[in-house]
Amino acid sequence: MSFQRILVSVDFSGASREAMREAARLAGQLGSELTLVHVWQPPLAAVNLPQGVLDDVVAAARRLLVEWGQEAEGLGARRVTTSLLSGTPWHEIVELAAREPPYDLIVVGTHGTSGIKHVLLGSVAERVLRHAPCPVLAVRAR
């Protein structure tokens, strides 16, 4: 199986940094295009926040995406792009992966939560795995 287009979901956690690093090395070895996507989900309380606060959150995410993209290039990925989306993270990742031209692989970090924490917080990685239109590589934080 050839992975020409690789999508890696990043939430700027340790687990997603491990996923990005693994995806960057793989993209470098295969000569694949690598896209880093961050999906932010505005909290319900954001309705009452001044627009400047939300703008700052988006600007910070854009800066981090650039930094992480540069790190991915340093790890060997040759063609790196970034995407910042808003919405339900797992849904936006799956939708992006299916758009033309579709991605061949999704890489996600997993925190390995279980029990009540998993029930309350859910798992983006698990939902991506269940709904993805292509193979998914789950990378666990060390």
N, C-alpha and C. Protein backbone atom coordinates (compact mmCIF):
# COMPACT_ATOMS: atom_id res chain seq x y z
N MET A 1 0.84 -1.17 0.00
CA MET A 1 0.00 0.00 0.00
C MET A 1 0.89 1.24 0.00
N SER A 2 0.56 2.20 -0.84
CA SER A 2 1.34 3.42 -0.96
C SER A 2 0.60 4.58 -0.29
N PHE A 3 1.31 5.31 0.53
CA PHE A 3 0.73 6.45 1.22
C PHE A 3 1.30 7.73 0.61
N GLN A 4 0.61 8.26 -0.39
CA GLN A 4 1.07 9.48 -1.05
C GLN A 4 0.65 10.74 -0.29
N ARG A 5 -0.49 10.66 0.38
CA ARG A 5 -0.99 11.81 1.15
C ARG A 5 -1.29 11.35 2.57
N ILE A 6 -0.61 11.97 3.52
CA ILE A 6 -0.76 11.61 4.93
C ILE A 6 -1.31 12.81 5.68
N LEU A 7 -2.34 12.56 6.47
CA LEU A 7 -2.98 13.58 7.30
C LEU A 7 -2.68 13.25 8.75
N VAL A 8 -2.15 14.21 9.49
CA VAL A 8 -1.90 13.99 10.91
C VAL A 8 -2.66 15.03 11.71
N SER A 9 -3.42 14.54 12.67
CA SER A 9 -4.22 15.39 13.54
C SER A 9 -3.37 15.81 14.72
N VAL A 10 -3.33 17.13 14.99
CA VAL A 10 -2.55 17.61 16.13
C VAL A 10 -3.41 18.47 17.04
N ASP A 11 -3.31 18.19 18.34
CA ASP A 11 -3.99 19.04 19.32
C ASP A 11 -2.96 19.70 20.23
N PHE A 12 -1.69 19.58 19.84
CA PHE A 12 -0.54 20.20 20.52
C PHE A 12 -0.22 19.54 21.86
N SER A 13 -0.71 18.32 22.06
CA SER A 13 -0.38 17.54 23.26
C SER A 13 0.87 16.70 22.97
N GLY A 14 1.39 16.08 24.01
CA GLY A 14 2.53 15.18 23.83
C GLY A 14 2.21 14.03 22.90
N ALA A 15 1.01 13.49 23.02
CA ALA A 15 0.61 12.38 22.15
C ALA A 15 0.55 12.80 20.69
N SER A 16 0.03 13.99 20.44
CA SER A 16 -0.06 14.41 19.04
C SER A 16 1.31 14.81 18.50
N ARG A 17 2.23 15.25 19.36
CA ARG A 17 3.60 15.53 18.90
C ARG A 17 4.27 14.22 18.47
N GLU A 18 4.07 13.16 19.23
CA GLU A 18 4.61 11.85 18.84
C GLU A 18 4.02 11.41 17.50
N ALA A 19 2.71 11.62 17.33
CA ALA A 19 2.06 11.26 16.07
C ALA A 19 2.64 12.07 14.91
N MET A 20 2.84 13.38 15.12
CA MET A 20 3.40 14.23 14.07
C MET A 20 4.80 13.76 13.71
N ARG A 21 5.61 13.46 14.71
CA ARG A 21 6.98 13.01 14.44
C ARG A 21 6.99 11.71 13.65
N GLU A 22 6.14 10.78 14.04
CA GLU A 22 6.07 9.50 13.32
C GLU A 22 5.60 9.73 11.88
N ALA A 23 4.58 10.57 11.71
CA ALA A 23 4.07 10.86 10.37
C ALA A 23 5.11 11.57 9.52
N ALA A 24 5.88 12.48 10.12
CA ALA A 24 6.91 13.21 9.38
C ALA A 24 8.01 12.26 8.91
N ARG A 25 8.43 11.36 9.77
CA ARG A 25 9.46 10.39 9.37
C ARG A 25 8.95 9.49 8.24
N LEU A 26 7.71 9.05 8.38
CA LEU A 26 7.11 8.20 7.34
C LEU A 26 6.99 8.96 6.03
N ALA A 27 6.52 10.20 6.10
CA ALA A 27 6.38 11.02 4.89
C ALA A 27 7.74 11.24 4.23
N GLY A 28 8.76 11.44 5.03
CA GLY A 28 10.10 11.62 4.49
C GLY A 28 10.61 10.37 3.79
N GLN A 29 10.37 9.21 4.38
CA GLN A 29 10.81 7.95 3.79
C GLN A 29 10.09 7.64 2.50
N LEU A 30 8.80 7.97 2.44
CA LEU A 30 7.98 7.61 1.29
C LEU A 30 7.87 8.74 0.26
N GLY A 31 8.35 9.92 0.59
CA GLY A 31 8.19 11.07 -0.29
C GLY A 31 6.74 11.54 -0.37
N SER A 32 6.02 11.35 0.72
CA SER A 32 4.59 11.67 0.76
C SER A 32 4.35 13.13 1.11
N GLU A 33 3.19 13.61 0.71
CA GLU A 33 2.70 14.92 1.15
C GLU A 33 2.18 14.74 2.57
N LEU A 34 2.48 15.70 3.44
CA LEU A 34 2.04 15.63 4.83
C LEU A 34 1.24 16.87 5.15
N THR A 35 0.05 16.67 5.70
CA THR A 35 -0.79 17.78 6.15
C THR A 35 -1.00 17.66 7.65
N LEU A 36 -0.69 18.72 8.37
CA LEU A 36 -0.98 18.81 9.80
C LEU A 36 -2.29 19.56 9.94
N VAL A 37 -3.24 18.96 10.62
CA VAL A 37 -4.53 19.62 10.83
C VAL A 37 -4.80 19.76 12.33
N HIS A 38 -5.23 20.94 12.70
CA HIS A 38 -5.68 21.19 14.07
C HIS A 38 -7.14 21.61 13.98
N VAL A 39 -7.98 20.93 14.74
CA VAL A 39 -9.40 21.27 14.79
C VAL A 39 -9.70 21.79 16.18
N TRP A 40 -10.13 23.02 16.25
CA TRP A 40 -10.49 23.58 17.55
C TRP A 40 -12.00 23.66 17.65
N GLN A 41 -12.47 23.31 18.80
CA GLN A 41 -13.90 23.30 19.05
C GLN A 41 -14.19 24.40 20.05
N PRO A 42 -14.78 25.50 19.58
CA PRO A 42 -15.07 26.60 20.51
C PRO A 42 -15.94 26.10 21.66
N PRO A 43 -15.55 26.41 22.90
CA PRO A 43 -16.37 25.98 24.04
C PRO A 43 -17.71 26.72 24.05
N LEU A 44 -18.70 26.11 24.66
CA LEU A 44 -20.01 26.75 24.74
C LEU A 44 -19.92 28.11 25.41
N ALA A 45 -19.01 28.25 26.34
CA ALA A 45 -18.84 29.52 27.04
C ALA A 45 -18.29 30.61 26.11
N ALA A 46 -17.79 30.22 24.94
CA ALA A 46 -17.21 31.19 24.01
C ALA A 46 -18.24 32.19 23.52
N VAL A 47 -19.51 31.85 23.65
CA VAL A 47 -20.57 32.75 23.22
C VAL A 47 -20.46 34.08 23.96
N ASN A 48 -20.02 34.03 25.22
CA ASN A 48 -19.93 35.22 26.04
C ASN A 48 -18.55 35.87 26.02
N LEU A 49 -17.59 35.31 25.30
CA LEU A 49 -16.25 35.86 25.27
C LEU A 49 -16.15 36.96 24.22
N PRO A 50 -15.32 37.96 24.49
CA PRO A 50 -15.09 38.99 23.47
C PRO A 50 -14.40 38.37 22.24
N GLN A 51 -14.68 38.90 21.07
CA GLN A 51 -14.12 38.36 19.83
C GLN A 51 -12.59 38.35 19.87
N GLY A 52 -11.98 39.32 20.54
CA GLY A 52 -10.53 39.38 20.62
C GLY A 52 -9.92 38.15 21.26
N VAL A 53 -10.61 37.58 22.24
CA VAL A 53 -10.11 36.38 22.91
C VAL A 53 -10.10 35.21 21.94
N LEU A 54 -11.18 35.04 21.20
CA LEU A 54 -11.25 33.95 20.22
C LEU A 54 -10.22 34.15 19.12
N ASP A 55 -10.03 35.40 18.69
CA ASP A 55 -9.01 35.69 17.67
C ASP A 55 -7.62 35.31 18.17
N ASP A 56 -7.35 35.56 19.46
CA ASP A 56 -6.06 35.20 20.04
C ASP A 56 -5.85 33.68 20.05
N VAL A 57 -6.91 32.94 20.35
CA VAL A 57 -6.83 31.48 20.36
C VAL A 57 -6.51 30.96 18.96
N VAL A 58 -7.18 31.50 17.96
CA VAL A 58 -6.95 31.08 16.58
C VAL A 58 -5.53 31.46 16.14
N ALA A 59 -5.09 32.66 16.48
CA ALA A 59 -3.74 33.11 16.11
C ALA A 59 -2.68 32.22 16.75
N ALA A 60 -2.88 31.84 18.01
CA ALA A 60 -1.93 30.96 18.69
C ALA A 60 -1.88 29.59 18.02
N ALA A 61 -3.04 29.07 17.63
CA ALA A 61 -3.08 27.77 16.93
C ALA A 61 -2.36 27.86 15.59
N ARG A 62 -2.54 28.94 14.87
CA ARG A 62 -1.84 29.12 13.58
C ARG A 62 -0.32 29.15 13.78
N ARG A 63 0.13 29.87 14.82
CA ARG A 63 1.57 29.93 15.10
C ARG A 63 2.12 28.54 15.43
N LEU A 64 1.40 27.80 16.26
CA LEU A 64 1.85 26.46 16.62
C LEU A 64 1.88 25.54 15.40
N LEU A 65 0.89 25.65 14.53
CA LEU A 65 0.89 24.83 13.32
C LEU A 65 2.12 25.12 12.47
N VAL A 66 2.49 26.38 12.35
CA VAL A 66 3.70 26.74 11.58
C VAL A 66 4.93 26.11 12.23
N GLU A 67 5.05 26.26 13.56
CA GLU A 67 6.19 25.69 14.28
C GLU A 67 6.26 24.18 14.11
N TRP A 68 5.12 23.52 14.26
CA TRP A 68 5.09 22.07 14.13
C TRP A 68 5.38 21.64 12.69
N GLY A 69 4.92 22.42 11.73
CA GLY A 69 5.23 22.14 10.33
C GLY A 69 6.72 22.22 10.07
N GLN A 70 7.37 23.21 10.66
CA GLN A 70 8.83 23.35 10.52
C GLN A 70 9.54 22.16 11.17
N GLU A 71 9.03 21.73 12.32
CA GLU A 71 9.62 20.56 12.97
C GLU A 71 9.46 19.32 12.09
N ALA A 72 8.29 19.17 11.47
CA ALA A 72 8.06 18.03 10.57
C ALA A 72 9.04 18.04 9.41
N GLU A 73 9.30 19.22 8.86
CA GLU A 73 10.28 19.33 7.78
C GLU A 73 11.67 18.95 8.28
N GLY A 74 12.01 19.34 9.50
CA GLY A 74 13.29 18.99 10.09
C GLY A 74 13.45 17.49 10.31
N LEU A 75 12.33 16.79 10.42
CA LEU A 75 12.35 15.34 10.61
C LEU A 75 12.33 14.58 9.28
N GLY A 76 12.30 15.32 8.17
CA GLY A 76 12.41 14.65 6.88
C GLY A 76 11.24 14.82 5.94
N ALA A 77 10.11 15.32 6.41
CA ALA A 77 8.97 15.52 5.51
C ALA A 77 9.32 16.64 4.53
N ARG A 78 9.08 16.40 3.26
CA ARG A 78 9.48 17.37 2.24
C ARG A 78 8.36 18.32 1.83
N ARG A 79 7.15 17.84 1.82
CA ARG A 79 6.00 18.66 1.40
C ARG A 79 5.00 18.72 2.56
N VAL A 80 5.06 19.80 3.34
CA VAL A 80 4.23 19.93 4.53
C VAL A 80 3.28 21.11 4.35
N THR A 81 2.00 20.85 4.61
CA THR A 81 1.01 21.91 4.63
C THR A 81 0.28 21.83 5.97
N THR A 82 -0.42 22.90 6.31
CA THR A 82 -1.17 22.92 7.56
C THR A 82 -2.60 23.37 7.28
N SER A 83 -3.49 22.97 8.17
CA SER A 83 -4.89 23.33 8.05
C SER A 83 -5.46 23.55 9.45
N LEU A 84 -6.17 24.66 9.62
CA LEU A 84 -6.83 24.95 10.88
C LEU A 84 -8.33 24.96 10.61
N LEU A 85 -9.04 24.06 11.31
CA LEU A 85 -10.48 23.94 11.13
C LEU A 85 -11.17 24.13 12.47
N SER A 86 -12.46 24.43 12.44
CA SER A 86 -13.22 24.47 13.68
C SER A 86 -14.43 23.56 13.54
N GLY A 87 -14.81 22.98 14.65
CA GLY A 87 -15.94 22.05 14.65
C GLY A 87 -15.65 20.90 15.59
N THR A 88 -16.36 19.81 15.38
CA THR A 88 -16.14 18.60 16.16
C THR A 88 -14.90 17.90 15.61
N PRO A 89 -13.84 17.77 16.41
CA PRO A 89 -12.56 17.31 15.87
C PRO A 89 -12.61 16.02 15.05
N TRP A 90 -13.18 14.95 15.60
CA TRP A 90 -13.14 13.69 14.85
C TRP A 90 -13.88 13.83 13.52
N HIS A 91 -14.99 14.54 13.50
CA HIS A 91 -15.79 14.68 12.29
C HIS A 91 -15.04 15.49 11.23
N GLU A 92 -14.42 16.58 11.63
CA GLU A 92 -13.69 17.42 10.69
C GLU A 92 -12.49 16.68 10.10
N ILE A 93 -11.82 15.87 10.92
CA ILE A 93 -10.67 15.09 10.45
C ILE A 93 -11.11 14.07 9.40
N VAL A 94 -12.18 13.36 9.70
CA VAL A 94 -12.70 12.34 8.77
C VAL A 94 -13.17 12.99 7.47
N GLU A 95 -13.87 14.11 7.59
CA GLU A 95 -14.34 14.83 6.38
C GLU A 95 -13.17 15.31 5.53
N LEU A 96 -12.15 15.88 6.16
CA LEU A 96 -10.99 16.35 5.42
C LEU A 96 -10.29 15.20 4.72
N ALA A 97 -10.18 14.08 5.39
CA ALA A 97 -9.50 12.92 4.81
C ALA A 97 -10.20 12.40 3.56
N ALA A 98 -11.51 12.58 3.50
CA ALA A 98 -12.30 12.04 2.38
C ALA A 98 -12.38 13.00 1.19
N ARG A 99 -12.04 14.28 1.40
CA ARG A 99 -12.14 15.25 0.30
C ARG A 99 -11.17 14.91 -0.83
N GLU A 100 -11.54 15.33 -2.03
CA GLU A 100 -10.69 15.09 -3.19
C GLU A 100 -9.52 16.05 -3.24
N PRO A 101 -8.34 15.60 -3.51
CA PRO A 101 -7.97 14.18 -3.54
C PRO A 101 -7.91 13.63 -2.12
N PRO A 102 -8.40 12.42 -1.92
CA PRO A 102 -8.47 11.87 -0.56
C PRO A 102 -7.08 11.53 0.00
N TYR A 103 -7.03 11.47 1.30
CA TYR A 103 -5.79 11.07 1.97
C TYR A 103 -5.71 9.55 2.01
N ASP A 104 -4.49 9.05 2.04
CA ASP A 104 -4.24 7.60 2.06
C ASP A 104 -4.05 7.06 3.47
N LEU A 105 -3.72 7.95 4.41
CA LEU A 105 -3.45 7.53 5.78
C LEU A 105 -3.73 8.71 6.71
N ILE A 106 -4.34 8.39 7.85
CA ILE A 106 -4.52 9.37 8.93
C ILE A 106 -3.67 8.90 10.09
N VAL A 107 -2.92 9.83 10.68
CA VAL A 107 -2.12 9.51 11.86
C VAL A 107 -2.67 10.34 13.02
N VAL A 108 -2.97 9.68 14.12
CA VAL A 108 -3.50 10.37 15.31
C VAL A 108 -2.72 9.94 16.54
N GLY A 109 -2.62 10.84 17.47
CA GLY A 109 -2.04 10.51 18.76
C GLY A 109 -3.13 10.02 19.67
N THR A 110 -2.77 9.15 20.59
CA THR A 110 -3.75 8.68 21.55
C THR A 110 -3.15 8.79 22.94
N HIS A 111 -3.98 9.23 23.88
CA HIS A 111 -3.54 9.41 25.25
C HIS A 111 -3.69 8.12 26.05
N GLY A 112 -4.40 7.16 25.49
CA GLY A 112 -4.58 5.89 26.17
C GLY A 112 -5.46 5.98 27.40
N THR A 113 -6.42 6.91 27.40
CA THR A 113 -7.31 7.01 28.57
C THR A 113 -8.29 5.86 28.58
N SER A 114 -8.75 5.53 29.76
CA SER A 114 -9.75 4.48 29.89
C SER A 114 -10.64 4.83 31.08
N GLY A 115 -11.60 3.99 31.32
CA GLY A 115 -12.47 4.17 32.47
C GLY A 115 -13.33 5.42 32.35
N ILE A 116 -13.57 6.06 33.49
CA ILE A 116 -14.49 7.18 33.55
C ILE A 116 -13.98 8.37 32.74
N LYS A 117 -12.66 8.58 32.72
CA LYS A 117 -12.10 9.69 31.94
C LYS A 117 -12.43 9.51 30.46
N HIS A 118 -12.32 8.29 29.97
CA HIS A 118 -12.64 8.00 28.57
C HIS A 118 -14.13 8.22 28.31
N VAL A 119 -14.96 7.79 29.23
CA VAL A 119 -16.41 7.95 29.08
C VAL A 119 -16.79 9.43 29.05
N LEU A 120 -16.19 10.21 29.92
CA LEU A 120 -16.54 11.63 30.01
C LEU A 120 -15.96 12.45 28.86
N LEU A 121 -14.72 12.17 28.48
CA LEU A 121 -14.04 12.96 27.47
C LEU A 121 -14.18 12.40 26.06
N GLY A 122 -14.43 11.10 25.96
CA GLY A 122 -14.48 10.48 24.64
C GLY A 122 -13.08 10.37 24.08
N SER A 123 -12.98 9.88 22.89
CA SER A 123 -11.68 9.72 22.26
C SER A 123 -11.77 10.11 20.80
N VAL A 124 -11.08 11.18 20.46
CA VAL A 124 -11.03 11.60 19.06
C VAL A 124 -10.41 10.48 18.23
N ALA A 125 -9.32 9.90 18.72
CA ALA A 125 -8.64 8.84 17.97
C ALA A 125 -9.58 7.67 17.71
N GLU A 126 -10.34 7.26 18.71
CA GLU A 126 -11.27 6.14 18.54
C GLU A 126 -12.34 6.45 17.49
N ARG A 127 -12.88 7.65 17.54
CA ARG A 127 -13.93 8.00 16.58
C ARG A 127 -13.37 8.12 15.17
N VAL A 128 -12.16 8.68 15.05
CA VAL A 128 -11.53 8.74 13.73
C VAL A 128 -11.34 7.33 13.20
N LEU A 129 -10.85 6.44 14.04
CA LEU A 129 -10.62 5.06 13.64
C LEU A 129 -11.91 4.39 13.15
N ARG A 130 -13.00 4.65 13.83
CA ARG A 130 -14.28 4.04 13.47
C ARG A 130 -14.87 4.57 12.16
N HIS A 131 -14.60 5.85 11.85
CA HIS A 131 -15.26 6.49 10.71
C HIS A 131 -14.35 6.84 9.55
N ALA A 132 -13.08 6.60 9.67
CA ALA A 132 -12.11 7.03 8.66
C ALA A 132 -12.33 6.33 7.32
N PRO A 133 -12.11 7.07 6.22
CA PRO A 133 -12.25 6.50 4.89
C PRO A 133 -10.96 5.81 4.41
N CYS A 134 -9.96 5.75 5.30
CA CYS A 134 -8.65 5.18 4.92
C CYS A 134 -8.02 4.57 6.17
N PRO A 135 -6.87 3.93 6.03
CA PRO A 135 -6.19 3.38 7.22
C PRO A 135 -5.83 4.48 8.22
N VAL A 136 -5.79 4.10 9.50
CA VAL A 136 -5.43 5.02 10.57
C VAL A 136 -4.29 4.41 11.38
N LEU A 137 -3.28 5.22 11.64
CA LEU A 137 -2.18 4.83 12.49
C LEU A 137 -2.32 5.60 13.80
N ALA A 138 -2.53 4.88 14.90
CA ALA A 138 -2.65 5.51 16.22
C ALA A 138 -1.31 5.41 16.91
N VAL A 139 -0.79 6.55 17.34
CA VAL A 139 0.51 6.60 18.01
C VAL A 139 0.29 7.00 19.45
N ARG A 140 0.77 6.16 20.35
CA ARG A 140 0.57 6.41 21.77
C ARG A 140 1.74 7.23 22.31
N ALA A 141 1.43 8.15 23.21
CA ALA A 141 2.47 8.97 23.85
C ALA A 141 3.38 8.07 24.66
N ARG A 142 4.65 8.42 24.67
CA ARG A 142 5.62 7.61 25.44
C ARG A 142 5.60 7.98 26.88
